[in-house]
Amino acid sequence: MKHKRQFASDNYAGICPEAWNALQEANAGHAPGYGDDEWTHRASDALRDTFETDCDVYFVFNGTAANSLALASLCQSYHSILCHEYAHVERDECGAPEFFSNGTKVLLLPGKLGRIEPDSITETVRRRTDIHYPKPRVVTITQPTELGTVYSLDQLRAIQAKAEEHQLHIHMDGARFANAVAALGVKPSEITWKVGVDVLCFGGTKNGMAVGETVIFFNHDLAQEFEYRCKQAGQLASKMRFLSAPWLGMLKDQAWIHRAQHANEMASLLHQQLSEIDGINILFPCEANSVFIELPIAIRDGMYDRGWKFYCFIGEGGARLMCSWDTTPEDVKAFTEDLADLYRKHS
């Protein structure tokens, strides 16, 4: 049965052909388990080539594990993690970063449009320096942010300067990292290790894969015994090739960028068509693959009744509309036409 494409999440989309074909190739015959297979080795090298540097690569099942285990590797239990007040690691991980780090405190920073304000890092670090305060150790950046905006190179450099000033590590939550790279038109290295990122959680699921994220340590020292964290947390896949092989398909010929670029373009089209509907209030700039709009309850419920699915609890409120690798202009048109019809009926 064919299901209607939705705007609730890019997690809703199926597997893109590049990932599917690579997965099918890895399914031929037997292969060693627990990452000692050719696909895992090749995918790790392909990621090193993509980021133009030697780095430690680990494959895990999901973003919660990726972020939480990565942050735990940067902290002791008496440290604190600095993040934006709307960051995914704060609002949507069910306390996993604190759990896996044995109690590391998460401290919230303000910032317009979902981005951390660099001066807030200094304020939080200097708020208290006595032994009764959880010592700041890491700043985590969500790229793109939970509000669909993207950190520019200059904004990342400003955070890097503050992190270096206060001797903080930098973690990047890149669940939609591909969309940020596509939006900025930069090399992946330029917005990661070249601006001081110690560890990146690089998302594959939202980019067209079935399952799986990578944790990439640019700072080798911080990756010490990370494989033990993965095993203890139930993230060591026995058939690791089925997590790693799709990355080979995605990285080949930059399919990951092309898929993300398409999702971004569909969001831009959605933003444009929504802007033409009288009464629509668009909440934030459209910089990646999401659009946030404010919807009256009656119209929201009317869209639900017509079979559309989207979330209204993410970010500052309103409705979040996500575009995926397989979103089409026809999908956008169908959604906006239904929305415009409901606005006319309620005017």
Protein backbone atom coordinates (compact mmCIF):
# COMPACT_ATOMS: atom_id res chain seq x y z
CA MET A 1 0.00 0.00 0.00
CA LYS A 2 1.37 3.39 -0.99
CA HIS A 3 1.32 5.97 1.78
CA LYS A 4 0.96 9.72 1.39
CA ARG A 5 4.21 11.66 1.81
CA GLN A 6 4.05 13.85 4.90
CA PHE A 7 5.72 16.93 6.40
CA ALA A 8 5.93 15.76 10.02
CA SER A 9 9.55 14.60 9.86
CA ASP A 10 12.25 13.58 7.44
CA ASN A 11 12.27 10.38 9.54
CA TYR A 12 9.02 9.49 7.79
CA ALA A 13 10.69 9.06 4.40
CA GLY A 14 11.78 5.71 3.06
CA ILE A 15 15.29 4.65 2.11
CA CYS A 16 16.82 6.48 -0.84
CA PRO A 17 18.11 4.37 -3.77
CA GLU A 18 21.79 4.97 -3.05
CA ALA A 19 21.50 3.67 0.52
CA TRP A 20 19.19 0.82 -0.50
CA ASN A 21 21.52 -0.43 -3.24
CA ALA A 22 24.55 -0.35 -0.92
CA LEU A 23 22.59 -2.24 1.72
CA GLN A 24 21.59 -4.87 -0.83
CA GLU A 25 25.21 -5.34 -1.91
CA ALA A 26 26.27 -5.88 1.71
CA ASN A 27 23.57 -8.53 2.06
CA ALA A 28 25.36 -10.98 -0.26
CA GLY A 29 26.77 -13.90 1.71
CA HIS A 30 28.53 -13.92 5.08
CA ALA A 31 30.81 -11.26 6.57
CA PRO A 32 32.61 -10.82 9.90
CA GLY A 33 30.60 -9.24 12.69
CA TYR A 34 31.00 -6.33 15.10
CA GLY A 35 32.59 -3.99 12.54
CA ASP A 36 35.40 -6.22 11.35
CA ASP A 37 33.99 -6.31 7.82
CA GLU A 38 35.07 -4.67 4.59
CA TRP A 39 32.05 -2.34 4.37
CA THR A 40 32.70 -0.83 7.79
CA HIS A 41 36.38 -0.32 7.02
CA ARG A 42 35.61 1.21 3.62
CA ALA A 43 32.87 3.46 5.00
CA SER A 44 35.18 4.71 7.74
CA ASP A 45 37.83 5.56 5.16
CA ALA A 46 35.23 7.23 2.95
CA LEU A 47 34.21 9.45 5.85
CA ARG A 48 37.86 10.37 6.47
CA ASP A 49 38.14 11.31 2.80
CA THR A 50 34.92 13.35 3.02
CA PHE A 51 36.23 15.35 5.98
CA GLU A 52 39.78 15.53 4.59
CA THR A 53 41.40 14.43 7.82
CA ASP A 54 42.26 11.43 9.92
CA CYS A 55 39.47 10.84 12.43
CA ASP A 56 37.98 8.08 14.55
CA VAL A 57 34.66 6.80 13.21
CA TYR A 58 31.96 4.85 15.07
CA PHE A 59 28.60 3.67 13.79
CA VAL A 60 25.59 3.62 16.13
CA PHE A 61 21.89 3.01 15.71
CA ASN A 62 20.39 6.41 16.48
CA GLY A 63 20.95 10.06 17.27
CA THR A 64 20.11 9.84 20.96
CA ALA A 65 22.92 7.35 21.48
CA ALA A 66 25.29 9.27 19.23
CA ASN A 67 24.84 12.57 21.07
CA SER A 68 24.66 11.13 24.57
CA LEU A 69 27.67 8.84 24.29
CA ALA A 70 29.73 11.50 22.53
CA LEU A 71 28.96 14.07 25.22
CA ALA A 72 29.68 11.54 27.96
CA SER A 73 33.12 10.97 26.45
CA LEU A 74 33.89 14.69 26.80
CA CYS A 75 32.84 15.05 30.43
CA GLN A 76 33.16 13.85 33.97
CA SER A 77 30.03 13.62 36.08
CA TYR A 78 30.84 16.89 37.87
CA HIS A 79 31.11 18.84 34.59
CA SER A 80 28.42 20.70 32.69
CA ILE A 81 27.34 20.86 29.05
CA LEU A 82 26.36 24.23 27.56
CA CYS A 83 23.64 24.14 24.92
CA HIS A 84 20.95 26.35 23.44
CA GLU A 85 17.70 26.35 25.39
CA TYR A 86 15.89 24.72 22.43
CA ALA A 87 18.63 22.18 21.67
CA HIS A 88 17.60 18.62 20.93
CA VAL A 89 19.96 17.28 23.61
CA GLU A 90 17.99 19.26 26.19
CA ARG A 91 14.39 18.90 25.02
CA ASP A 92 14.19 15.63 23.14
CA GLU A 93 16.65 13.10 24.58
CA CYS A 94 14.69 12.09 27.73
CA GLY A 95 17.70 12.97 29.91
CA ALA A 96 20.01 10.59 28.01
CA PRO A 97 23.06 12.91 28.03
CA GLU A 98 22.84 13.17 31.81
CA PHE A 99 22.20 9.44 32.15
CA PHE A 100 25.13 8.23 30.06
CA SER A 101 27.51 10.76 31.62
CA ASN A 102 26.51 9.72 35.14
CA GLY A 103 24.90 13.05 35.94
CA THR A 104 26.66 15.77 33.95
CA LYS A 105 24.58 18.93 34.25
CA VAL A 106 23.08 20.55 31.12
CA LEU A 107 23.12 24.36 31.29
CA LEU A 108 20.92 26.35 28.92
CA LEU A 109 22.03 29.32 26.84
CA PRO A 110 19.83 31.92 25.13
CA GLY A 111 20.09 32.97 21.53
CA LYS A 112 17.91 34.27 18.72
CA LEU A 113 16.61 31.88 16.06
CA GLY A 114 17.95 28.83 17.83
CA ARG A 115 21.61 29.85 17.71
CA ILE A 116 23.85 30.17 20.75
CA GLU A 117 25.02 33.72 21.46
CA PRO A 118 28.81 33.56 22.00
CA ASP A 119 28.74 36.03 24.90
CA SER A 120 26.34 33.75 26.76
CA ILE A 121 29.11 31.15 26.88
CA THR A 122 31.33 33.57 28.78
CA GLU A 123 28.49 34.58 31.09
CA THR A 124 27.69 30.97 31.96
CA VAL A 125 31.31 29.98 32.52
CA ARG A 126 31.95 33.00 34.75
CA ARG A 127 28.63 32.85 36.59
CA ARG A 128 30.38 30.91 39.32
CA THR A 129 33.83 29.43 39.60
CA ASP A 130 33.60 27.78 43.00
CA ILE A 131 33.49 24.08 43.70
CA HIS A 132 29.72 24.12 44.23
CA TYR A 133 29.04 24.86 40.54
CA PRO A 134 29.18 22.15 37.84
CA LYS A 135 32.32 23.09 35.92
CA PRO A 136 31.55 23.91 32.25
CA ARG A 137 33.37 21.50 29.97
CA VAL A 138 31.55 21.29 26.63
CA VAL A 139 29.53 23.53 24.35
CA THR A 140 27.22 21.67 22.00
CA ILE A 141 26.00 23.15 18.73
CA THR A 142 22.96 21.91 16.79
CA GLN A 143 23.60 22.31 13.05
CA PRO A 144 21.06 23.09 11.66
CA THR A 145 19.28 24.34 14.77
CA GLU A 146 15.99 23.09 16.14
CA LEU A 147 14.35 26.15 14.57
CA GLY A 148 15.63 25.33 11.10
CA THR A 149 18.33 27.99 10.97
CA VAL A 150 21.98 27.36 10.09
CA TYR A 151 25.15 28.56 11.79
CA SER A 152 27.34 30.47 9.34
CA LEU A 153 31.10 30.07 9.24
CA ASP A 154 31.57 33.37 11.07
CA GLN A 155 29.10 32.35 13.79
CA LEU A 156 30.91 29.04 14.28
CA ARG A 157 34.26 30.82 14.49
CA ALA A 158 32.86 33.13 17.16
CA ILE A 159 31.82 30.11 19.24
CA GLN A 160 35.21 28.51 18.61
CA ALA A 161 36.94 31.61 19.98
CA LYS A 162 34.87 31.49 23.17
CA ALA A 163 35.42 27.75 23.56
CA GLU A 164 39.17 28.19 23.25
CA GLU A 165 39.13 31.12 25.68
CA HIS A 166 37.37 29.04 28.32
CA GLN A 167 38.98 25.68 27.49
CA LEU A 168 35.74 24.03 26.40
CA HIS A 169 35.34 21.13 24.01
CA ILE A 170 32.93 21.52 21.09
CA HIS A 171 30.36 18.87 20.19
CA MET A 172 28.14 19.20 17.13
CA ASP A 173 24.73 17.58 16.88
CA GLY A 174 24.51 17.05 13.14
CA ALA A 175 21.31 15.04 12.79
CA ARG A 176 20.69 17.12 9.64
CA PHE A 177 24.33 18.01 9.03
CA ALA A 178 23.91 17.23 5.32
CA ASN A 179 21.27 19.96 5.02
CA ALA A 180 23.60 22.50 6.64
CA VAL A 181 26.47 21.61 4.29
CA ALA A 182 24.14 21.88 1.31
CA ALA A 183 22.72 25.19 2.50
CA LEU A 184 26.11 26.78 3.14
CA GLY A 185 27.80 25.35 0.05
CA VAL A 186 30.97 24.53 1.99
CA LYS A 187 33.19 21.52 2.47
CA PRO A 188 32.30 19.46 5.55
CA SER A 189 35.73 20.16 7.02
CA GLU A 190 35.11 23.92 7.01
CA ILE A 191 32.25 23.74 9.52
CA THR A 192 33.65 20.98 11.72
CA TRP A 193 37.27 20.41 12.71
CA LYS A 194 38.50 23.61 11.05
CA VAL A 195 36.30 25.62 13.44
CA GLY A 196 37.27 23.61 16.49
CA VAL A 197 34.65 20.85 16.56
CA ASP A 198 36.06 17.94 18.55
CA VAL A 199 33.31 15.45 17.81
CA LEU A 200 30.48 15.41 15.26
CA CYS A 201 27.36 13.27 15.38
CA PHE A 202 26.65 12.92 11.67
CA GLY A 203 23.07 11.92 10.91
CA GLY A 204 22.20 9.42 8.20
CA THR A 205 18.61 8.50 9.02
CA LYS A 206 17.11 11.88 8.13
CA ASN A 207 19.19 12.04 4.96
CA GLY A 208 17.69 8.92 3.38
CA MET A 209 19.12 5.94 5.24
CA ALA A 210 17.11 3.26 7.03
CA VAL A 211 18.90 3.61 10.36
CA GLY A 212 22.26 4.68 11.66
CA GLU A 213 24.38 7.66 12.62
CA THR A 214 28.13 8.13 12.83
CA VAL A 215 30.12 9.58 15.71
CA ILE A 216 33.26 11.19 14.32
CA PHE A 217 36.05 12.22 16.66
CA PHE A 218 38.44 14.78 15.17
CA ASN A 219 40.24 14.85 18.51
CA HIS A 220 41.69 11.35 18.86
CA ASP A 221 42.39 11.69 22.58
CA LEU A 222 38.69 12.15 23.33
CA ALA A 223 37.80 8.90 21.57
CA GLN A 224 39.71 6.78 24.05
CA GLU A 225 37.72 3.61 24.86
CA PHE A 226 34.64 4.97 23.08
CA GLU A 227 34.02 1.50 21.67
CA TYR A 228 33.39 0.34 25.24
CA ARG A 229 30.77 3.04 25.72
CA CYS A 230 29.04 1.86 22.55
CA LYS A 231 29.05 -1.75 23.67
CA GLN A 232 27.80 -0.95 27.17
CA ALA A 233 24.98 1.18 25.76
CA GLY A 234 23.78 -1.54 23.39
CA GLN A 235 25.08 0.31 20.32
CA LEU A 236 27.55 -2.28 19.03
CA ALA A 237 25.80 -3.89 16.07
CA SER A 238 26.67 -7.54 15.54
CA LYS A 239 25.93 -7.17 11.82
CA MET A 240 27.68 -3.81 11.64
CA ARG A 241 27.86 -3.84 7.85
CA PHE A 242 24.16 -3.05 7.69
CA LEU A 243 24.81 0.22 9.56
CA SER A 244 27.98 1.14 7.68
CA ALA A 245 27.36 -0.01 4.09
CA PRO A 246 24.62 2.58 3.33
CA TRP A 247 27.18 5.30 4.05
CA LEU A 248 29.21 4.05 1.09
CA GLY A 249 26.22 4.57 -1.17
CA MET A 250 25.46 7.99 0.29
CA LEU A 251 29.03 9.28 0.14
CA LYS A 252 29.67 8.06 -3.41
CA ASP A 253 29.28 10.87 -5.95
CA GLN A 254 28.07 13.11 -3.06
CA ALA A 255 24.61 11.59 -3.04
CA TRP A 256 24.21 12.76 0.58
CA ILE A 257 24.64 16.37 -0.54
CA HIS A 258 22.31 16.03 -3.52
CA ARG A 259 19.58 14.46 -1.40
CA ALA A 260 19.90 17.17 1.24
CA GLN A 261 19.94 19.91 -1.38
CA HIS A 262 16.69 18.60 -2.81
CA ALA A 263 15.06 18.62 0.62
CA ASN A 264 16.25 22.19 1.15
CA GLU A 265 14.86 23.24 -2.23
CA MET A 266 11.49 21.71 -1.41
CA ALA A 267 11.43 23.63 1.88
CA SER A 268 12.22 26.82 -0.01
CA LEU A 269 9.35 26.10 -2.40
CA LEU A 270 7.05 25.38 0.54
CA HIS A 271 8.11 28.63 2.20
CA GLN A 272 7.36 30.54 -1.01
CA GLN A 273 3.92 29.01 -1.50
CA LEU A 274 2.96 29.45 2.15
CA SER A 275 3.95 33.12 1.92
CA GLU A 276 1.26 33.59 -0.71
CA ILE A 277 -1.55 32.47 1.60
CA ASP A 278 -3.36 35.33 3.33
CA GLY A 279 -3.17 35.01 7.11
CA ILE A 280 -0.15 32.72 7.32
CA ASN A 281 2.50 33.74 9.84
CA ILE A 282 5.90 32.22 9.11
CA LEU A 283 7.88 32.11 12.35
CA PHE A 284 11.53 31.73 11.31
CA PRO A 285 13.73 32.08 8.23
CA CYS A 286 13.84 29.01 5.99
CA GLU A 287 17.53 28.10 5.81
CA ALA A 288 17.55 24.30 5.56
CA ASN A 289 14.73 21.78 5.08
CA SER A 290 12.08 23.02 7.50
CA VAL A 291 9.43 25.72 7.66
CA PHE A 292 7.74 26.86 10.88
CA ILE A 293 4.30 28.44 10.74
CA GLU A 294 1.75 29.61 13.28
CA LEU A 295 -1.61 27.88 12.81
CA PRO A 296 -4.96 28.58 14.48
CA ILE A 297 -6.28 25.45 16.19
CA ALA A 298 -9.26 25.12 13.86
CA ILE A 299 -7.07 25.16 10.77
CA ARG A 300 -4.53 22.83 12.33
CA ASP A 301 -7.27 20.33 13.16
CA GLY A 302 -8.72 20.76 9.68
CA MET A 303 -5.38 19.77 8.15
CA TYR A 304 -5.21 16.77 10.46
CA ASP A 305 -8.73 15.77 9.34
CA ARG A 306 -7.56 15.89 5.73
CA GLY A 307 -4.86 13.38 6.52
CA TRP A 308 -1.83 15.64 6.92
CA LYS A 309 0.69 15.00 9.68
CA PHE A 310 3.03 17.56 11.27
CA TYR A 311 4.33 18.39 14.73
CA CYS A 312 3.35 21.38 16.85
CA PHE A 313 5.57 20.88 19.91
CA ILE A 314 9.05 21.47 18.48
CA GLY A 315 10.91 24.76 18.82
CA GLU A 316 8.97 27.76 20.07
CA GLY A 317 5.59 26.38 19.08
CA GLY A 318 3.59 26.66 15.92
CA ALA A 319 3.76 23.90 13.33
CA ARG A 320 7.01 22.48 11.98
CA LEU A 321 6.93 21.32 8.38
CA MET A 322 9.86 19.13 7.32
CA CYS A 323 10.83 18.31 3.76
CA SER A 324 12.64 15.08 2.89
CA TRP A 325 14.82 13.64 0.16
CA ASP A 326 11.68 12.37 -1.60
CA THR A 327 9.37 15.39 -1.16
CA THR A 328 8.02 16.52 -4.53
CA PRO A 329 6.65 19.84 -5.81
CA GLU A 330 3.31 18.06 -6.09
CA ASP A 331 3.40 17.25 -2.38
CA VAL A 332 4.06 20.89 -1.59
CA LYS A 333 1.24 22.02 -3.86
CA ALA A 334 -1.25 19.56 -2.36
CA PHE A 335 -0.42 20.65 1.18
CA THR A 336 -0.55 24.39 0.49
CA GLU A 337 -3.77 24.09 -1.51
CA ASP A 338 -5.49 22.32 1.38
CA LEU A 339 -4.17 24.93 3.79
CA ALA A 340 -5.29 27.84 1.59
CA ASP A 341 -8.75 26.27 1.26
CA LEU A 342 -9.12 26.02 5.03
CA TYR A 343 -8.02 29.64 5.50
CA ARG A 344 -10.66 30.76 3.00
CA LYS A 345 -13.36 28.78 4.79
CA HIS A 346 -12.39 30.23 8.17
CA SER A 347 -11.96 33.83 7.04
